[in-house]
Amino acid sequence: LERRERFADASMFAGQLSTTYARWGRFGPAERWQVRAEELAARSGDPNAVLDAALTRGGLESERGNLHEALEATRRGVEEAERIGNTLCSLVGHFMLGDQQLRLGRPADAIDALERSGELAAYCDAGTFAALSEAWVAAARAQAGEGEPDWEEFDRALRLARDNGDRLGEGEVHRQRATALAARPQPDWDAVLADLRTAVDIFERIEAEPYLARALRDMGMALEVAGRPEPAADALRRARALLQRMASPPRIATDRPPSVPAS
């Protein structure tokens, strides 16, 4: 594509490679492909390629745990998408913003972005994104203390993820439902842990190490609060080992774990 001077297309594929490597926790090649995507987008002069590269930069920094940098890059992409009328990229970007805000412990900001993502998904007839947005809104409302979420939102998102073969999305829905369950005034820790164990199993199978590290950390903290110190220590040890292997321990550890009431 580059030899044929199709720089915008080449940038898109480079960004997809960056995203794939980042989800595996292989941040070296992810960064190299991301830089290539940004260079190719600049050469193309295509605003769609430029905004797409900004979104993939936001995704990479998010996987690294650099959430403030992720927000900055994602916002650039969303603003450009809104400016030129790229509705699909605006949809994806708003969902990313909501997820990043949620991980930073800002559920109110997350709700605004996720509701916008849901609106755009309905407009585009993007059923999977609509379901995911609604599930993330439910998790954000639970973390914000707005009462019981609509648990059917999680069930619907899980069904769609499974129907589409989206194992990463399926694992993340389980993890988000666990955070919502943990935010209840009197959590059922067995239910919380069941979702987290399912998420851990999925992330292990698909080798999504940043996601696995976060799920193990959340499981370790939930086990601690549930009064199970030995398995808690084991889960946290495994999370730390993954972070060390990815060579960025402080980064992924910066996003907030699920809300757990003091006990």
C-alpha atoms as a PDB file:
ATOM      1  CA  LEU A   1       0.000   0.000   0.000  1.00  0.00           C
ATOM      2  CA  GLU A   2       2.791   2.415   0.826  1.00  0.00           C
ATOM      3  CA  ARG A   3       4.569   1.653  -2.456  1.00  0.00           C
ATOM      4  CA  ARG A   4       1.335   2.492  -4.247  1.00  0.00           C
ATOM      5  CA  GLU A   5       1.084   5.705  -2.231  1.00  0.00           C
ATOM      6  CA  ARG A   6      -2.124   4.573  -0.562  1.00  0.00           C
ATOM      7  CA  PHE A   7      -0.943   6.147   2.646  1.00  0.00           C
ATOM      8  CA  ALA A   8      -4.324   6.404   4.363  1.00  0.00           C
ATOM      9  CA  ASP A   9      -5.032   2.696   3.909  1.00  0.00           C
ATOM     10  CA  ALA A  10      -1.503   1.805   4.990  1.00  0.00           C
ATOM     11  CA  SER A  11      -1.928   3.963   8.090  1.00  0.00           C
ATOM     12  CA  MET A  12      -5.152   2.162   9.002  1.00  0.00           C
ATOM     13  CA  PHE A  13      -3.539  -1.267   8.796  1.00  0.00           C
ATOM     14  CA  ALA A  14      -0.500  -0.075  10.767  1.00  0.00           C
ATOM     15  CA  GLY A  15      -2.853   1.205  13.465  1.00  0.00           C
ATOM     16  CA  GLN A  16      -4.655  -2.130  13.566  1.00  0.00           C
ATOM     17  CA  LEU A  17      -1.335  -3.913  14.061  1.00  0.00           C
ATOM     18  CA  SER A  18      -0.494  -1.507  16.881  1.00  0.00           C
ATOM     19  CA  THR A  19      -3.827  -2.219  18.552  1.00  0.00           C
ATOM     20  CA  THR A  20      -3.350  -5.980  18.246  1.00  0.00           C
ATOM     21  CA  TYR A  21       0.129  -5.919  19.758  1.00  0.00           C
ATOM     22  CA  ALA A  22      -1.050  -3.592  22.550  1.00  0.00           C
ATOM     23  CA  ARG A  23      -3.868  -5.963  23.514  1.00  0.00           C
ATOM     24  CA  TRP A  24      -1.266  -8.716  23.849  1.00  0.00           C
ATOM     25  CA  GLY A  25       0.853  -6.459  26.056  1.00  0.00           C
ATOM     26  CA  ARG A  26       3.650  -6.304  23.480  1.00  0.00           C
ATOM     27  CA  PHE A  27       4.194  -2.591  23.754  1.00  0.00           C
ATOM     28  CA  GLY A  28       7.486  -2.398  21.839  1.00  0.00           C
ATOM     29  CA  PRO A  29       6.086  -3.488  18.458  1.00  0.00           C
ATOM     30  CA  ALA A  30       2.815  -1.720  19.279  1.00  0.00           C
ATOM     31  CA  GLU A  31       4.653   1.584  19.626  1.00  0.00           C
ATOM     32  CA  ARG A  32       6.654   1.020  16.442  1.00  0.00           C
ATOM     33  CA  TRP A  33       3.528   0.331  14.397  1.00  0.00           C
ATOM     34  CA  GLN A  34       1.728   3.247  16.008  1.00  0.00           C
ATOM     35  CA  VAL A  35       4.497   5.650  15.031  1.00  0.00           C
ATOM     36  CA  ARG A  36       4.316   4.238  11.506  1.00  0.00           C
ATOM     37  CA  ALA A  37       0.545   4.779  11.463  1.00  0.00           C
ATOM     38  CA  GLU A  38       0.965   8.401  12.525  1.00  0.00           C
ATOM     39  CA  GLU A  39       3.668   9.043   9.917  1.00  0.00           C
ATOM     40  CA  LEU A  40       1.599   7.502   7.139  1.00  0.00           C
ATOM     41  CA  ALA A  41      -1.508   9.414   8.201  1.00  0.00           C
ATOM     42  CA  ALA A  42       0.433  12.678   8.068  1.00  0.00           C
ATOM     43  CA  ARG A  43       1.749  11.801   4.586  1.00  0.00           C
ATOM     44  CA  SER A  44      -1.759  11.000   3.374  1.00  0.00           C
ATOM     45  CA  GLY A  45      -3.189  14.384   4.301  1.00  0.00           C
ATOM     46  CA  ASP A  46      -6.492  12.563   4.884  1.00  0.00           C
ATOM     47  CA  PRO A  47      -8.214  13.868   8.037  1.00  0.00           C
ATOM     48  CA  ASN A  48      -9.889  10.487   8.512  1.00  0.00           C
ATOM     49  CA  ALA A  49      -6.505   8.778   8.652  1.00  0.00           C
ATOM     50  CA  VAL A  50      -5.195  11.404  11.068  1.00  0.00           C
ATOM     51  CA  LEU A  51      -8.123  11.011  13.450  1.00  0.00           C
ATOM     52  CA  ASP A  52      -7.927   7.210  13.201  1.00  0.00           C
ATOM     53  CA  ALA A  53      -4.242   7.368  14.183  1.00  0.00           C
ATOM     54  CA  ALA A  54      -5.162   9.586  17.141  1.00  0.00           C
ATOM     55  CA  LEU A  55      -7.706   7.001  18.294  1.00  0.00           C
ATOM     56  CA  THR A  56      -5.254   4.124  17.981  1.00  0.00           C
ATOM     57  CA  ARG A  57      -2.740   6.207  19.954  1.00  0.00           C
ATOM     58  CA  GLY A  58      -5.414   6.628  22.625  1.00  0.00           C
ATOM     59  CA  GLY A  59      -5.992   2.886  22.624  1.00  0.00           C
ATOM     60  CA  LEU A  60      -2.293   2.109  22.955  1.00  0.00           C
ATOM     61  CA  GLU A  61      -1.796   4.516  25.851  1.00  0.00           C
ATOM     62  CA  SER A  62      -4.909   3.107  27.490  1.00  0.00           C
ATOM     63  CA  GLU A  63      -3.535  -0.441  27.329  1.00  0.00           C
ATOM     64  CA  ARG A  64      -0.258   0.805  28.796  1.00  0.00           C
ATOM     65  CA  GLY A  65      -2.206   2.393  31.636  1.00  0.00           C
ATOM     66  CA  ASN A  66      -1.235   5.951  30.667  1.00  0.00           C
ATOM     67  CA  LEU A  67      -4.813   7.064  31.016  1.00  0.00           C
ATOM     68  CA  HIS A  68      -4.330  10.833  30.970  1.00  0.00           C
ATOM     69  CA  GLU A  69      -2.296  10.568  27.760  1.00  0.00           C
ATOM     70  CA  ALA A  70      -4.943   8.195  26.410  1.00  0.00           C
ATOM     71  CA  LEU A  71      -7.696  10.706  27.099  1.00  0.00           C
ATOM     72  CA  GLU A  72      -5.776  13.484  25.384  1.00  0.00           C
ATOM     73  CA  ALA A  73      -5.187  11.450  22.217  1.00  0.00           C
ATOM     74  CA  THR A  74      -8.714  10.035  22.149  1.00  0.00           C
ATOM     75  CA  ARG A  75     -10.238  13.496  22.558  1.00  0.00           C
ATOM     76  CA  ARG A  76      -8.207  14.725  19.578  1.00  0.00           C
ATOM     77  CA  GLY A  77      -9.610  11.902  17.498  1.00  0.00           C
ATOM     78  CA  VAL A  78     -13.176  12.493  18.666  1.00  0.00           C
ATOM     79  CA  GLU A  79     -13.015  16.236  18.058  1.00  0.00           C
ATOM     80  CA  GLU A  80     -11.735  15.686  14.515  1.00  0.00           C
ATOM     81  CA  ALA A  81     -14.370  13.017  13.881  1.00  0.00           C
ATOM     82  CA  GLU A  82     -17.082  15.421  14.996  1.00  0.00           C
ATOM     83  CA  ARG A  83     -15.603  18.212  12.877  1.00  0.00           C
ATOM     84  CA  ILE A  84     -15.598  16.233   9.628  1.00  0.00           C
ATOM     85  CA  GLY A  85     -18.737  14.188  10.338  1.00  0.00           C
ATOM     86  CA  ASN A  86     -17.156  10.750  10.738  1.00  0.00           C
ATOM     87  CA  THR A  87     -19.943   9.248  12.833  1.00  0.00           C
ATOM     88  CA  LEU A  88     -18.477   5.755  13.207  1.00  0.00           C
ATOM     89  CA  CYS A  89     -15.141   7.028  14.531  1.00  0.00           C
ATOM     90  CA  SER A  90     -16.983   9.407  16.840  1.00  0.00           C
ATOM     91  CA  LEU A  91     -18.971   6.428  18.160  1.00  0.00           C
ATOM     92  CA  VAL A  92     -15.824   4.389  18.826  1.00  0.00           C
ATOM     93  CA  GLY A  93     -13.996   7.380  20.270  1.00  0.00           C
ATOM     94  CA  HIS A  94     -16.783   8.241  22.710  1.00  0.00           C
ATOM     95  CA  PHE A  95     -16.854   4.641  23.913  1.00  0.00           C
ATOM     96  CA  MET A  96     -13.082   4.752  24.439  1.00  0.00           C
ATOM     97  CA  LEU A  97     -13.390   8.039  26.344  1.00  0.00           C
ATOM     98  CA  GLY A  98     -16.054   6.545  28.596  1.00  0.00           C
ATOM     99  CA  ASP A  99     -13.978   3.465  29.309  1.00  0.00           C
ATOM    100  CA  GLN A 100     -10.902   5.565  30.087  1.00  0.00           C
ATOM    101  CA  GLN A 101     -12.866   7.879  32.401  1.00  0.00           C
ATOM    102  CA  LEU A 102     -14.348   4.875  34.170  1.00  0.00           C
ATOM    103  CA  ARG A 103     -10.906   3.420  34.772  1.00  0.00           C
ATOM    104  CA  LEU A 104      -9.801   6.782  36.189  1.00  0.00           C
ATOM    105  CA  GLY A 105     -12.638   6.654  38.712  1.00  0.00           C
ATOM    106  CA  ARG A 106     -14.720   9.374  37.038  1.00  0.00           C
ATOM    107  CA  PRO A 107     -18.060   7.634  36.489  1.00  0.00           C
ATOM    108  CA  ALA A 108     -20.058  10.839  35.912  1.00  0.00           C
ATOM    109  CA  ASP A 109     -17.772  11.876  33.038  1.00  0.00           C
ATOM    110  CA  ALA A 110     -17.829   8.299  31.766  1.00  0.00           C
ATOM    111  CA  ILE A 111     -21.644   8.275  31.663  1.00  0.00           C
ATOM    112  CA  ASP A 112     -21.758  11.352  29.405  1.00  0.00           C
ATOM    113  CA  ALA A 113     -19.328   9.849  26.886  1.00  0.00           C
ATOM    114  CA  LEU A 114     -20.909   6.394  26.977  1.00  0.00           C
ATOM    115  CA  GLU A 115     -24.435   7.719  26.517  1.00  0.00           C
ATOM    116  CA  ARG A 116     -23.212   9.638  23.464  1.00  0.00           C
ATOM    117  CA  SER A 117     -21.620   6.432  22.183  1.00  0.00           C
ATOM    118  CA  GLY A 118     -24.932   4.640  22.645  1.00  0.00           C
ATOM    119  CA  GLU A 119     -26.820   7.356  20.769  1.00  0.00           C
ATOM    120  CA  LEU A 120     -24.414   7.174  17.842  1.00  0.00           C
ATOM    121  CA  ALA A 121     -24.568   3.365  17.862  1.00  0.00           C
ATOM    122  CA  ALA A 122     -28.366   3.524  17.594  1.00  0.00           C
ATOM    123  CA  TYR A 123     -28.056   6.011  14.709  1.00  0.00           C
ATOM    124  CA  CYS A 124     -25.549   3.748  12.907  1.00  0.00           C
ATOM    125  CA  ASP A 125     -27.508   0.580  13.724  1.00  0.00           C
ATOM    126  CA  ALA A 126     -24.366  -0.755  15.436  1.00  0.00           C
ATOM    127  CA  GLY A 127     -26.078  -3.184  17.789  1.00  0.00           C
ATOM    128  CA  THR A 128     -22.948  -4.535  19.441  1.00  0.00           C
ATOM    129  CA  PHE A 129     -21.621  -1.090  20.311  1.00  0.00           C
ATOM    130  CA  ALA A 130     -25.062  -0.072  21.548  1.00  0.00           C
ATOM    131  CA  ALA A 131     -25.154  -3.055  23.905  1.00  0.00           C
ATOM    132  CA  LEU A 132     -21.604  -2.479  25.128  1.00  0.00           C
ATOM    133  CA  SER A 133     -22.278   1.214  25.716  1.00  0.00           C
ATOM    134  CA  GLU A 134     -25.390   0.409  27.734  1.00  0.00           C
ATOM    135  CA  ALA A 135     -23.506  -2.161  29.830  1.00  0.00           C
ATOM    136  CA  TRP A 136     -20.703   0.311  30.519  1.00  0.00           C
ATOM    137  CA  VAL A 137     -23.261   2.992  31.448  1.00  0.00           C
ATOM    138  CA  ALA A 138     -24.819   0.515  33.897  1.00  0.00           C
ATOM    139  CA  ALA A 139     -21.392  -0.120  35.444  1.00  0.00           C
ATOM    140  CA  ALA A 140     -20.673   3.614  35.627  1.00  0.00           C
ATOM    141  CA  ARG A 141     -24.012   4.347  37.299  1.00  0.00           C
ATOM    142  CA  ALA A 142     -23.318   1.639  39.869  1.00  0.00           C
ATOM    143  CA  GLN A 143     -19.896   3.105  40.623  1.00  0.00           C
ATOM    144  CA  ALA A 144     -21.439   6.571  40.870  1.00  0.00           C
ATOM    145  CA  GLY A 145     -23.831   5.280  43.543  1.00  0.00           C
ATOM    146  CA  GLU A 146     -26.943   5.815  41.432  1.00  0.00           C
ATOM    147  CA  GLY A 147     -28.677   2.684  42.670  1.00  0.00           C
ATOM    148  CA  GLU A 148     -29.185  -0.704  41.101  1.00  0.00           C
ATOM    149  CA  PRO A 149     -28.179  -0.919  37.447  1.00  0.00           C
ATOM    150  CA  ASP A 150     -30.261  -2.698  34.847  1.00  0.00           C
ATOM    151  CA  TRP A 151     -28.613  -6.121  34.999  1.00  0.00           C
ATOM    152  CA  GLU A 152     -30.219  -7.089  31.694  1.00  0.00           C
ATOM    153  CA  GLU A 153     -27.840  -4.636  29.986  1.00  0.00           C
ATOM    154  CA  PHE A 154     -24.927  -6.875  30.947  1.00  0.00           C
ATOM    155  CA  ASP A 155     -26.762 -10.017  29.864  1.00  0.00           C
ATOM    156  CA  ARG A 156     -27.587  -8.518  26.469  1.00  0.00           C
ATOM    157  CA  ALA A 157     -24.001  -7.352  25.934  1.00  0.00           C
ATOM    158  CA  LEU A 158     -22.742 -10.833  26.830  1.00  0.00           C
ATOM    159  CA  ARG A 159     -25.120 -12.500  24.379  1.00  0.00           C
ATOM    160  CA  LEU A 160     -24.045 -10.239  21.538  1.00  0.00           C
ATOM    161  CA  ALA A 161     -20.349 -10.641  22.339  1.00  0.00           C
ATOM    162  CA  ARG A 162     -20.712 -14.427  22.300  1.00  0.00           C
ATOM    163  CA  ASP A 163     -22.776 -14.411  19.114  1.00  0.00           C
ATOM    164  CA  ASN A 164     -20.079 -12.307  17.430  1.00  0.00           C
ATOM    165  CA  GLY A 165     -17.185 -14.401  18.752  1.00  0.00           C
ATOM    166  CA  ASP A 166     -15.818 -11.347  20.571  1.00  0.00           C
ATOM    167  CA  ARG A 167     -13.950 -12.998  23.425  1.00  0.00           C
ATOM    168  CA  LEU A 168     -12.210  -9.781  24.509  1.00  0.00           C
ATOM    169  CA  GLY A 169     -15.524  -7.942  24.736  1.00  0.00           C
ATOM    170  CA  GLU A 170     -17.097 -10.881  26.555  1.00  0.00           C
ATOM    171  CA  GLY A 171     -14.354 -10.863  29.176  1.00  0.00           C
ATOM    172  CA  GLU A 172     -14.631  -7.126  29.654  1.00  0.00           C
ATOM    173  CA  VAL A 173     -18.402  -7.323  30.136  1.00  0.00           C
ATOM    174  CA  HIS A 174     -17.837  -9.875  32.899  1.00  0.00           C
ATOM    175  CA  ARG A 175     -15.272  -7.557  34.507  1.00  0.00           C
ATOM    176  CA  GLN A 176     -17.591  -4.547  34.292  1.00  0.00           C
ATOM    177  CA  ARG A 177     -20.462  -6.543  35.786  1.00  0.00           C
ATOM    178  CA  ALA A 178     -18.137  -7.533  38.630  1.00  0.00           C
ATOM    179  CA  THR A 179     -17.396  -3.862  39.348  1.00  0.00           C
ATOM    180  CA  ALA A 180     -21.126  -3.125  39.412  1.00  0.00           C
ATOM    181  CA  LEU A 181     -21.799  -6.041  41.755  1.00  0.00           C
ATOM    182  CA  ALA A 182     -18.939  -4.936  44.014  1.00  0.00           C
ATOM    183  CA  ALA A 183     -20.431  -1.449  44.253  1.00  0.00           C
ATOM    184  CA  ARG A 184     -23.671  -2.704  45.857  1.00  0.00           C
ATOM    185  CA  PRO A 185     -24.178  -1.799  49.528  1.00  0.00           C
ATOM    186  CA  GLN A 186     -23.938  -5.484  50.491  1.00  0.00           C
ATOM    187  CA  PRO A 187     -22.030  -7.218  47.709  1.00  0.00           C
ATOM    188  CA  ASP A 188     -22.407 -10.888  46.961  1.00  0.00           C
ATOM    189  CA  TRP A 189     -18.689 -11.613  46.745  1.00  0.00           C
ATOM    190  CA  ASP A 190     -19.279 -15.071  45.292  1.00  0.00           C
ATOM    191  CA  ALA A 191     -21.093 -13.449  42.340  1.00  0.00           C
ATOM    192  CA  VAL A 192     -18.360 -10.813  41.980  1.00  0.00           C
ATOM    193  CA  LEU A 193     -15.665 -13.474  41.971  1.00  0.00           C
ATOM    194  CA  ALA A 194     -17.558 -15.698  39.540  1.00  0.00           C
ATOM    195  CA  ASP A 195     -17.533 -12.908  36.955  1.00  0.00           C
ATOM    196  CA  LEU A 196     -13.886 -12.111  37.602  1.00  0.00           C
ATOM    197  CA  ARG A 197     -12.831 -15.760  37.325  1.00  0.00           C
ATOM    198  CA  THR A 198     -14.650 -15.995  33.992  1.00  0.00           C
ATOM    199  CA  ALA A 199     -12.910 -12.838  32.789  1.00  0.00           C
ATOM    200  CA  VAL A 200      -9.523 -14.186  33.902  1.00  0.00           C
ATOM    201  CA  ASP A 201     -10.140 -17.468  32.084  1.00  0.00           C
ATOM    202  CA  ILE A 202     -11.088 -15.677  28.856  1.00  0.00           C
ATOM    203  CA  PHE A 203      -8.135 -13.291  28.945  1.00  0.00           C
ATOM    204  CA  GLU A 204      -5.747 -16.168  29.632  1.00  0.00           C
ATOM    205  CA  ARG A 205      -7.091 -18.095  26.650  1.00  0.00           C
ATOM    206  CA  ILE A 206      -6.718 -15.181  24.227  1.00  0.00           C
ATOM    207  CA  GLU A 207      -3.426 -14.016  25.801  1.00  0.00           C
ATOM    208  CA  ALA A 208      -4.695 -10.467  26.377  1.00  0.00           C
ATOM    209  CA  GLU A 209      -2.137  -9.711  29.073  1.00  0.00           C
ATOM    210  CA  PRO A 210      -3.063  -6.107  30.000  1.00  0.00           C
ATOM    211  CA  TYR A 211      -6.675  -7.212  30.489  1.00  0.00           C
ATOM    212  CA  LEU A 212      -5.593 -10.301  32.388  1.00  0.00           C
ATOM    213  CA  ALA A 213      -3.426  -8.216  34.718  1.00  0.00           C
ATOM    214  CA  ARG A 214      -6.329  -5.886  35.510  1.00  0.00           C
ATOM    215  CA  ALA A 215      -8.758  -8.768  36.062  1.00  0.00           C
ATOM    216  CA  LEU A 216      -6.303 -10.548  38.370  1.00  0.00           C
ATOM    217  CA  ARG A 217      -5.738  -7.362  40.317  1.00  0.00           C
ATOM    218  CA  ASP A 218      -9.490  -6.834  40.687  1.00  0.00           C
ATOM    219  CA  MET A 219      -9.933 -10.463  41.732  1.00  0.00           C
ATOM    220  CA  GLY A 220      -7.151 -10.170  44.298  1.00  0.00           C
ATOM    221  CA  MET A 221      -8.709  -7.084  45.842  1.00  0.00           C
ATOM    222  CA  ALA A 222     -12.168  -8.669  45.885  1.00  0.00           C
ATOM    223  CA  LEU A 223     -10.762 -11.773  47.561  1.00  0.00           C
ATOM    224  CA  GLU A 224      -9.095  -9.606  50.185  1.00  0.00           C
ATOM    225  CA  VAL A 225     -12.349  -7.846  51.031  1.00  0.00           C
ATOM    226  CA  ALA A 226     -14.154 -11.203  51.038  1.00  0.00           C
ATOM    227  CA  GLY A 227     -11.742 -12.424  53.717  1.00  0.00           C
ATOM    228  CA  ARG A 228      -9.776 -14.890  51.584  1.00  0.00           C
ATOM    229  CA  PRO A 229      -6.171 -13.720  52.014  1.00  0.00           C
ATOM    230  CA  GLU A 230      -4.298 -16.672  50.498  1.00  0.00           C
ATOM    231  CA  PRO A 231      -6.005 -16.752  47.083  1.00  0.00           C
ATOM    232  CA  ALA A 232      -5.968 -12.929  47.148  1.00  0.00           C
ATOM    233  CA  ALA A 233      -2.197 -12.919  47.534  1.00  0.00           C
ATOM    234  CA  ASP A 234      -1.846 -15.438  44.710  1.00  0.00           C
ATOM    235  CA  ALA A 235      -3.993 -13.382  42.313  1.00  0.00           C
ATOM    236  CA  LEU A 236      -2.108 -10.186  43.138  1.00  0.00           C
ATOM    237  CA  ARG A 237       1.229 -11.972  42.726  1.00  0.00           C
ATOM    238  CA  ARG A 238       0.188 -13.158  39.284  1.00  0.00           C
ATOM    239  CA  ALA A 239      -0.924  -9.639  38.346  1.00  0.00           C
ATOM    240  CA  ARG A 240       2.419  -8.181  39.452  1.00  0.00           C
ATOM    241  CA  ALA A 241       4.322 -10.849  37.501  1.00  0.00           C
ATOM    242  CA  LEU A 242       2.404  -9.961  34.343  1.00  0.00           C
ATOM    243  CA  LEU A 243       3.055  -6.266  34.835  1.00  0.00           C
ATOM    244  CA  GLN A 244       6.749  -6.925  35.275  1.00  0.00           C
ATOM    245  CA  ARG A 245       6.824  -9.070  32.142  1.00  0.00           C
ATOM    246  CA  MET A 246       5.228  -6.267  30.178  1.00  0.00           C
ATOM    247  CA  ALA A 247       7.930  -3.986  31.626  1.00  0.00           C
ATOM    248  CA  SER A 248       5.488  -1.274  32.691  1.00  0.00           C
ATOM    249  CA  PRO A 249       4.378  -2.061  36.260  1.00  0.00           C
ATOM    250  CA  PRO A 250       3.391   1.462  37.341  1.00  0.00           C
ATOM    251  CA  ARG A 251       1.387   2.171  34.232  1.00  0.00           C
ATOM    252  CA  ILE A 252      -1.347  -0.436  34.174  1.00  0.00           C
ATOM    253  CA  ALA A 253      -1.528  -0.276  37.954  1.00  0.00           C
ATOM    254  CA  THR A 254      -2.632   3.380  37.867  1.00  0.00           C
ATOM    255  CA  ASP A 255      -6.247   2.859  36.847  1.00  0.00           C
ATOM    256  CA  ARG A 256      -8.679   2.425  39.694  1.00  0.00           C
ATOM    257  CA  PRO A 257      -9.955  -1.027  40.673  1.00  0.00           C
ATOM    258  CA  PRO A 258     -13.659  -1.732  41.086  1.00  0.00           C
ATOM    259  CA  SER A 259     -15.373   0.018  43.945  1.00  0.00           C
ATOM    260  CA  VAL A 260     -15.232  -2.062  47.100  1.00  0.00           C
ATOM    261  CA  PRO A 261     -17.021  -0.880  50.223  1.00  0.00           C
ATOM    262  CA  ALA A 262     -14.887  -0.521  53.308  1.00  0.00           C
ATOM    263  CA  SER A 263     -15.227  -3.396  55.696  1.00  0.00           C
END
